[in-house]
Amino acid sequence: MAEVEAAAPLLDAPAKGDAVRRFLGEPGHHMLIAYSVDRRPIGMVTGVEMTHPDKGTEMFLYELSVDEASQGQGVGKTLVKALADVARDTGCYGMWVLTDDDNAAALGAYRAAGGQEPSTHVLVNWDLSEQGATN
């Protein structure tokens, strides 16, 4: 929990304590944090193992973040490769991520870590929050 709080600047929004505990407590949920030489969090990646009856288990790369000062130094690539290692070690047959086509930094890290783009996809989203329910 303390490591996630220390890495909070790498998240999109403030960490929610109960969500952090649930994420970290779930088997198959992974969070890897990269640190500078002075032990400051400079990057993180999260992944979730997903299992389907006819496919087996794959790793969904949920989020990758590298602080601005550390971008372009291979931190993202290293984190993605480390998550791929976790996926391999836990028996996943593959790993995937969805990102925007204009996210050059993320695409660069994914490609550098060996990711391929075999096809184009369409994202279909449901907003199940209270705010989305009023729309």
N, C-alpha and C. Protein backbone atom coordinates (compact mmCIF):
# COMPACT_ATOMS: atom_id res chain seq x y z
N MET A 1 0.83 -1.19 0.00
CA MET A 1 0.00 0.00 0.00
C MET A 1 0.87 1.26 0.00
N ALA A 2 1.92 1.26 0.79
CA ALA A 2 2.79 2.44 0.88
C ALA A 2 3.49 2.71 -0.45
N GLU A 3 3.87 1.63 -1.17
CA GLU A 3 4.52 1.82 -2.46
C GLU A 3 3.58 2.46 -3.47
N VAL A 4 2.30 2.06 -3.44
CA VAL A 4 1.32 2.65 -4.35
C VAL A 4 1.10 4.11 -4.01
N GLU A 5 1.02 4.43 -2.73
CA GLU A 5 0.86 5.83 -2.33
C GLU A 5 2.06 6.67 -2.76
N ALA A 6 3.27 6.10 -2.65
CA ALA A 6 4.46 6.82 -3.08
C ALA A 6 4.47 7.03 -4.59
N ALA A 7 3.86 6.11 -5.32
CA ALA A 7 3.81 6.19 -6.78
C ALA A 7 2.57 6.94 -7.27
N ALA A 8 1.82 7.55 -6.38
CA ALA A 8 0.57 8.23 -6.74
C ALA A 8 0.73 9.25 -7.87
N PRO A 9 1.84 9.99 -7.95
CA PRO A 9 1.97 10.94 -9.07
C PRO A 9 1.97 10.27 -10.45
N LEU A 10 2.22 8.97 -10.50
CA LEU A 10 2.22 8.25 -11.77
C LEU A 10 0.81 7.82 -12.19
N LEU A 11 -0.14 7.90 -11.29
CA LEU A 11 -1.52 7.52 -11.59
C LEU A 11 -2.26 8.67 -12.25
N ASP A 12 -3.37 8.35 -12.91
CA ASP A 12 -4.18 9.37 -13.57
C ASP A 12 -4.94 10.24 -12.58
N ALA A 13 -5.25 9.68 -11.41
CA ALA A 13 -6.04 10.37 -10.39
C ALA A 13 -5.57 9.86 -9.03
N PRO A 14 -5.96 10.52 -7.95
CA PRO A 14 -5.56 10.04 -6.63
C PRO A 14 -6.00 8.59 -6.39
N ALA A 15 -5.13 7.83 -5.75
CA ALA A 15 -5.44 6.44 -5.43
C ALA A 15 -6.59 6.38 -4.42
N LYS A 16 -7.47 5.42 -4.61
CA LYS A 16 -8.58 5.18 -3.70
C LYS A 16 -8.19 3.99 -2.84
N GLY A 17 -8.08 4.21 -1.54
CA GLY A 17 -7.58 3.19 -0.62
C GLY A 17 -8.22 1.83 -0.78
N ASP A 18 -9.56 1.78 -0.84
CA ASP A 18 -10.22 0.49 -0.96
C ASP A 18 -9.95 -0.16 -2.31
N ALA A 19 -9.82 0.65 -3.36
CA ALA A 19 -9.50 0.10 -4.68
C ALA A 19 -8.07 -0.43 -4.72
N VAL A 20 -7.14 0.28 -4.06
CA VAL A 20 -5.75 -0.18 -4.00
C VAL A 20 -5.69 -1.52 -3.28
N ARG A 21 -6.35 -1.61 -2.13
CA ARG A 21 -6.35 -2.87 -1.36
C ARG A 21 -6.96 -4.01 -2.18
N ARG A 22 -8.06 -3.72 -2.87
CA ARG A 22 -8.70 -4.76 -3.67
C ARG A 22 -7.79 -5.19 -4.83
N PHE A 23 -7.20 -4.21 -5.54
CA PHE A 23 -6.33 -4.54 -6.66
C PHE A 23 -5.16 -5.40 -6.19
N LEU A 24 -4.48 -4.95 -5.15
CA LEU A 24 -3.30 -5.68 -4.66
C LEU A 24 -3.66 -7.03 -4.06
N GLY A 25 -4.89 -7.16 -3.55
CA GLY A 25 -5.31 -8.40 -2.91
C GLY A 25 -5.82 -9.47 -3.86
N GLU A 26 -6.09 -9.09 -5.10
CA GLU A 26 -6.63 -10.04 -6.07
C GLU A 26 -5.51 -10.85 -6.72
N PRO A 27 -5.63 -12.17 -6.70
CA PRO A 27 -4.66 -12.97 -7.45
C PRO A 27 -4.78 -12.62 -8.94
N GLY A 28 -3.67 -12.56 -9.62
CA GLY A 28 -3.70 -12.25 -11.03
C GLY A 28 -3.69 -10.76 -11.34
N HIS A 29 -3.64 -9.92 -10.32
CA HIS A 29 -3.48 -8.48 -10.53
C HIS A 29 -2.03 -8.13 -10.19
N HIS A 30 -1.39 -7.40 -11.07
CA HIS A 30 0.04 -7.12 -10.90
C HIS A 30 0.32 -5.63 -11.06
N MET A 31 1.20 -5.12 -10.22
CA MET A 31 1.68 -3.74 -10.32
C MET A 31 3.18 -3.77 -10.11
N LEU A 32 3.90 -3.27 -11.12
CA LEU A 32 5.35 -3.20 -11.05
C LEU A 32 5.73 -1.73 -11.05
N ILE A 33 6.66 -1.36 -10.19
CA ILE A 33 7.08 0.04 -10.07
C ILE A 33 8.58 0.12 -10.31
N ALA A 34 8.98 1.07 -11.15
CA ALA A 34 10.40 1.34 -11.41
C ALA A 34 10.83 2.49 -10.52
N TYR A 35 12.04 2.39 -9.99
CA TYR A 35 12.56 3.41 -9.07
C TYR A 35 13.85 4.00 -9.62
N SER A 36 14.07 5.27 -9.29
CA SER A 36 15.34 5.92 -9.61
C SER A 36 16.40 5.42 -8.64
N VAL A 37 17.64 5.82 -8.86
CA VAL A 37 18.72 5.39 -7.95
C VAL A 37 18.50 5.91 -6.53
N ASP A 38 17.75 7.00 -6.39
CA ASP A 38 17.46 7.51 -5.04
C ASP A 38 16.12 7.01 -4.51
N ARG A 39 15.62 5.90 -5.10
CA ARG A 39 14.41 5.18 -4.66
C ARG A 39 13.12 5.99 -4.83
N ARG A 40 13.10 6.89 -5.81
CA ARG A 40 11.88 7.63 -6.14
C ARG A 40 11.15 6.88 -7.25
N PRO A 41 9.82 6.64 -7.12
CA PRO A 41 9.08 5.97 -8.19
C PRO A 41 9.11 6.81 -9.47
N ILE A 42 9.55 6.19 -10.57
CA ILE A 42 9.62 6.93 -11.84
C ILE A 42 8.77 6.29 -12.94
N GLY A 43 8.21 5.13 -12.66
CA GLY A 43 7.36 4.47 -13.64
C GLY A 43 6.60 3.32 -13.01
N MET A 44 5.48 2.98 -13.64
CA MET A 44 4.72 1.84 -13.16
C MET A 44 3.92 1.24 -14.30
N VAL A 45 3.65 -0.04 -14.17
CA VAL A 45 2.79 -0.75 -15.11
C VAL A 45 1.88 -1.66 -14.28
N THR A 46 0.63 -1.76 -14.72
CA THR A 46 -0.30 -2.68 -14.08
C THR A 46 -0.80 -3.66 -15.12
N GLY A 47 -1.07 -4.86 -14.67
CA GLY A 47 -1.59 -5.90 -15.55
C GLY A 47 -2.60 -6.75 -14.81
N VAL A 48 -3.53 -7.29 -15.57
CA VAL A 48 -4.57 -8.15 -15.00
C VAL A 48 -4.65 -9.41 -15.86
N GLU A 49 -4.53 -10.56 -15.21
CA GLU A 49 -4.69 -11.83 -15.91
C GLU A 49 -6.18 -12.04 -16.18
N MET A 50 -6.47 -12.42 -17.43
CA MET A 50 -7.85 -12.67 -17.84
C MET A 50 -7.92 -14.08 -18.42
N THR A 51 -8.91 -14.84 -17.97
CA THR A 51 -9.06 -16.22 -18.42
C THR A 51 -10.39 -16.41 -19.11
N HIS A 52 -10.37 -17.09 -20.23
CA HIS A 52 -11.59 -17.42 -20.98
C HIS A 52 -11.61 -18.93 -21.20
N PRO A 53 -12.78 -19.56 -21.12
CA PRO A 53 -12.85 -21.03 -21.19
C PRO A 53 -12.19 -21.65 -22.42
N ASP A 54 -12.26 -21.01 -23.57
CA ASP A 54 -11.68 -21.64 -24.76
C ASP A 54 -10.35 -21.04 -25.19
N LYS A 55 -9.85 -20.10 -24.44
CA LYS A 55 -8.60 -19.45 -24.84
C LYS A 55 -7.48 -19.66 -23.84
N GLY A 56 -7.80 -19.80 -22.58
CA GLY A 56 -6.79 -19.85 -21.55
C GLY A 56 -6.63 -18.48 -20.93
N THR A 57 -5.44 -18.21 -20.41
CA THR A 57 -5.20 -16.97 -19.68
C THR A 57 -4.23 -16.08 -20.44
N GLU A 58 -4.59 -14.81 -20.53
CA GLU A 58 -3.73 -13.80 -21.15
C GLU A 58 -3.59 -12.63 -20.19
N MET A 59 -2.56 -11.82 -20.40
CA MET A 59 -2.32 -10.65 -19.56
C MET A 59 -2.84 -9.41 -20.29
N PHE A 60 -3.67 -8.66 -19.62
CA PHE A 60 -4.12 -7.37 -20.11
C PHE A 60 -3.23 -6.32 -19.47
N LEU A 61 -2.45 -5.60 -20.26
CA LEU A 61 -1.63 -4.50 -19.75
C LEU A 61 -2.59 -3.34 -19.54
N TYR A 62 -2.92 -3.08 -18.30
CA TYR A 62 -3.96 -2.11 -17.95
C TYR A 62 -3.48 -0.67 -18.09
N GLU A 63 -2.29 -0.40 -17.56
CA GLU A 63 -1.80 0.97 -17.62
C GLU A 63 -0.28 1.01 -17.51
N LEU A 64 0.32 1.92 -18.25
CA LEU A 64 1.76 2.18 -18.20
C LEU A 64 1.94 3.66 -17.98
N SER A 65 2.82 4.03 -17.06
CA SER A 65 3.08 5.44 -16.80
C SER A 65 4.54 5.62 -16.44
N VAL A 66 5.16 6.63 -17.03
CA VAL A 66 6.54 7.00 -16.72
C VAL A 66 6.56 8.50 -16.49
N ASP A 67 7.19 8.92 -15.38
CA ASP A 67 7.21 10.36 -15.11
C ASP A 67 7.96 11.09 -16.22
N GLU A 68 7.58 12.33 -16.43
CA GLU A 68 8.06 13.09 -17.58
C GLU A 68 9.58 13.15 -17.65
N ALA A 69 10.25 13.36 -16.52
CA ALA A 69 11.70 13.49 -16.50
C ALA A 69 12.41 12.19 -16.87
N SER A 70 11.72 11.06 -16.76
CA SER A 70 12.34 9.76 -17.03
C SER A 70 11.94 9.19 -18.39
N GLN A 71 11.11 9.88 -19.12
CA GLN A 71 10.68 9.38 -20.43
C GLN A 71 11.84 9.39 -21.42
N GLY A 72 11.80 8.46 -22.35
CA GLY A 72 12.84 8.37 -23.37
C GLY A 72 14.11 7.68 -22.90
N GLN A 73 14.07 7.06 -21.72
CA GLN A 73 15.26 6.41 -21.17
C GLN A 73 15.10 4.89 -21.07
N GLY A 74 14.02 4.35 -21.65
CA GLY A 74 13.81 2.90 -21.63
C GLY A 74 13.05 2.38 -20.43
N VAL A 75 12.56 3.26 -19.58
CA VAL A 75 11.83 2.82 -18.39
C VAL A 75 10.54 2.10 -18.79
N GLY A 76 9.78 2.68 -19.71
CA GLY A 76 8.54 2.05 -20.16
C GLY A 76 8.79 0.70 -20.79
N LYS A 77 9.76 0.62 -21.67
CA LYS A 77 10.13 -0.64 -22.31
C LYS A 77 10.48 -1.69 -21.27
N THR A 78 11.28 -1.31 -20.28
CA THR A 78 11.71 -2.24 -19.24
C THR A 78 10.51 -2.74 -18.43
N LEU A 79 9.59 -1.82 -18.10
CA LEU A 79 8.40 -2.22 -17.35
C LEU A 79 7.51 -3.16 -18.16
N VAL A 80 7.33 -2.87 -19.44
CA VAL A 80 6.50 -3.74 -20.29
C VAL A 80 7.13 -5.12 -20.41
N LYS A 81 8.43 -5.17 -20.61
CA LYS A 81 9.12 -6.46 -20.69
C LYS A 81 9.00 -7.22 -19.36
N ALA A 82 9.08 -6.50 -18.25
CA ALA A 82 8.97 -7.15 -16.94
C ALA A 82 7.56 -7.73 -16.75
N LEU A 83 6.54 -7.00 -17.20
CA LEU A 83 5.18 -7.52 -17.10
C LEU A 83 5.02 -8.73 -18.02
N ALA A 84 5.62 -8.70 -19.19
CA ALA A 84 5.57 -9.85 -20.09
C ALA A 84 6.24 -11.07 -19.44
N ASP A 85 7.31 -10.84 -18.71
CA ASP A 85 7.96 -11.93 -17.97
C ASP A 85 7.02 -12.50 -16.92
N VAL A 86 6.32 -11.62 -16.18
CA VAL A 86 5.34 -12.08 -15.19
C VAL A 86 4.27 -12.91 -15.90
N ALA A 87 3.78 -12.42 -17.03
CA ALA A 87 2.75 -13.13 -17.78
C ALA A 87 3.25 -14.52 -18.19
N ARG A 88 4.45 -14.57 -18.70
CA ARG A 88 5.04 -15.85 -19.11
C ARG A 88 5.16 -16.79 -17.90
N ASP A 89 5.66 -16.24 -16.79
CA ASP A 89 5.87 -17.05 -15.58
C ASP A 89 4.57 -17.57 -14.98
N THR A 90 3.47 -16.85 -15.19
CA THR A 90 2.19 -17.29 -14.63
C THR A 90 1.38 -18.13 -15.62
N GLY A 91 1.97 -18.42 -16.78
CA GLY A 91 1.32 -19.31 -17.74
C GLY A 91 0.42 -18.64 -18.75
N CYS A 92 0.52 -17.32 -18.90
CA CYS A 92 -0.30 -16.63 -19.90
C CYS A 92 0.20 -16.98 -21.30
N TYR A 93 -0.75 -17.12 -22.23
CA TYR A 93 -0.37 -17.43 -23.61
C TYR A 93 -0.05 -16.17 -24.40
N GLY A 94 -0.40 -14.99 -23.88
CA GLY A 94 -0.13 -13.74 -24.57
C GLY A 94 -0.40 -12.55 -23.67
N MET A 95 -0.15 -11.37 -24.21
CA MET A 95 -0.38 -10.13 -23.48
C MET A 95 -0.88 -9.11 -24.50
N TRP A 96 -1.80 -8.22 -24.07
CA TRP A 96 -2.32 -7.21 -24.99
C TRP A 96 -2.60 -5.91 -24.24
N VAL A 97 -2.68 -4.84 -25.04
CA VAL A 97 -2.96 -3.51 -24.51
C VAL A 97 -3.74 -2.74 -25.57
N LEU A 98 -4.52 -1.82 -25.15
CA LEU A 98 -5.22 -0.91 -26.05
C LEU A 98 -4.75 0.50 -25.73
N THR A 99 -4.35 1.25 -26.74
CA THR A 99 -3.93 2.64 -26.53
C THR A 99 -4.40 3.48 -27.71
N ASP A 100 -4.35 4.76 -27.55
CA ASP A 100 -4.74 5.67 -28.63
C ASP A 100 -3.65 5.69 -29.69
N ASP A 101 -4.06 5.83 -30.95
CA ASP A 101 -3.09 5.81 -32.04
C ASP A 101 -2.19 7.04 -32.07
N ASP A 102 -2.53 8.07 -31.30
CA ASP A 102 -1.67 9.26 -31.23
C ASP A 102 -0.81 9.30 -29.97
N ASN A 103 -0.77 8.20 -29.21
CA ASN A 103 0.04 8.13 -28.00
C ASN A 103 1.43 7.60 -28.37
N ALA A 104 2.24 8.48 -28.93
CA ALA A 104 3.55 8.09 -29.46
C ALA A 104 4.46 7.48 -28.40
N ALA A 105 4.44 8.03 -27.19
CA ALA A 105 5.33 7.51 -26.13
C ALA A 105 4.96 6.07 -25.78
N ALA A 106 3.67 5.81 -25.59
CA ALA A 106 3.24 4.45 -25.26
C ALA A 106 3.53 3.49 -26.41
N LEU A 107 3.18 3.89 -27.62
CA LEU A 107 3.42 3.02 -28.77
C LEU A 107 4.91 2.72 -28.93
N GLY A 108 5.75 3.71 -28.69
CA GLY A 108 7.19 3.50 -28.76
C GLY A 108 7.66 2.47 -27.75
N ALA A 109 7.16 2.58 -26.52
CA ALA A 109 7.55 1.63 -25.46
C ALA A 109 7.05 0.23 -25.80
N TYR A 110 5.81 0.12 -26.26
CA TYR A 110 5.25 -1.19 -26.58
C TYR A 110 6.00 -1.85 -27.74
N ARG A 111 6.30 -1.08 -28.76
CA ARG A 111 7.03 -1.62 -29.91
C ARG A 111 8.45 -2.02 -29.51
N ALA A 112 9.10 -1.17 -28.71
CA ALA A 112 10.48 -1.46 -28.27
C ALA A 112 10.53 -2.72 -27.41
N ALA A 113 9.43 -3.02 -26.72
CA ALA A 113 9.38 -4.20 -25.85
C ALA A 113 8.92 -5.44 -26.63
N GLY A 114 8.77 -5.32 -27.95
CA GLY A 114 8.44 -6.47 -28.78
C GLY A 114 6.98 -6.59 -29.15
N GLY A 115 6.16 -5.62 -28.79
CA GLY A 115 4.74 -5.67 -29.14
C GLY A 115 4.52 -5.47 -30.63
N GLN A 116 3.48 -6.10 -31.14
CA GLN A 116 3.13 -6.00 -32.55
C GLN A 116 1.70 -5.50 -32.67
N GLU A 117 1.36 -4.99 -33.82
CA GLU A 117 0.01 -4.48 -34.09
C GLU A 117 -0.61 -5.32 -35.20
N PRO A 118 -1.19 -6.48 -34.85
CA PRO A 118 -1.68 -7.39 -35.89
C PRO A 118 -2.97 -6.94 -36.57
N SER A 119 -3.72 -6.03 -35.96
CA SER A 119 -4.98 -5.60 -36.56
C SER A 119 -5.44 -4.30 -35.92
N THR A 120 -6.46 -3.73 -36.50
CA THR A 120 -7.07 -2.55 -35.90
C THR A 120 -8.31 -2.99 -35.16
N HIS A 121 -8.66 -2.27 -34.12
CA HIS A 121 -9.81 -2.61 -33.29
C HIS A 121 -10.66 -1.38 -33.07
N VAL A 122 -11.86 -1.61 -32.66
CA VAL A 122 -12.77 -0.54 -32.28
C VAL A 122 -13.07 -0.70 -30.81
N LEU A 123 -12.91 0.36 -30.05
CA LEU A 123 -13.24 0.34 -28.63
C LEU A 123 -14.72 0.66 -28.46
N VAL A 124 -15.43 -0.21 -27.78
CA VAL A 124 -16.83 0.01 -27.41
C VAL A 124 -16.83 0.10 -25.90
N ASN A 125 -17.41 1.16 -25.36
CA ASN A 125 -17.30 1.45 -23.94
C ASN A 125 -18.69 1.65 -23.33
N TRP A 126 -18.88 1.19 -22.10
CA TRP A 126 -20.08 1.44 -21.33
C TRP A 126 -19.68 2.23 -20.10
N ASP A 127 -20.27 3.38 -19.88
CA ASP A 127 -20.03 4.17 -18.67
C ASP A 127 -21.09 3.77 -17.65
N LEU A 128 -20.68 2.98 -16.66
CA LEU A 128 -21.61 2.46 -15.66
C LEU A 128 -21.60 3.28 -14.37
N SER A 129 -20.88 4.39 -14.38
CA SER A 129 -20.86 5.25 -13.19
C SER A 129 -22.17 6.01 -13.10
N GLU A 130 -22.41 6.61 -11.95
CA GLU A 130 -23.62 7.41 -11.78
C GLU A 130 -23.67 8.56 -12.78
N GLN A 131 -22.52 9.17 -13.07
CA GLN A 131 -22.48 10.27 -14.03
C GLN A 131 -22.89 9.78 -15.42
N GLY A 132 -22.41 8.61 -15.79
CA GLY A 132 -22.73 8.06 -17.11
C GLY A 132 -24.18 7.61 -17.22
N ALA A 133 -24.77 7.21 -16.11
CA ALA A 133 -26.15 6.73 -16.13
C ALA A 133 -27.15 7.84 -16.41
N THR A 134 -26.73 9.09 -16.17
CA THR A 134 -27.64 10.20 -16.41
C THR A 134 -27.59 10.67 -17.86
N ASN A 135 -26.62 10.20 -18.61
CA ASN A 135 -26.50 10.62 -20.02
C ASN A 135 -27.42 9.84 -20.91
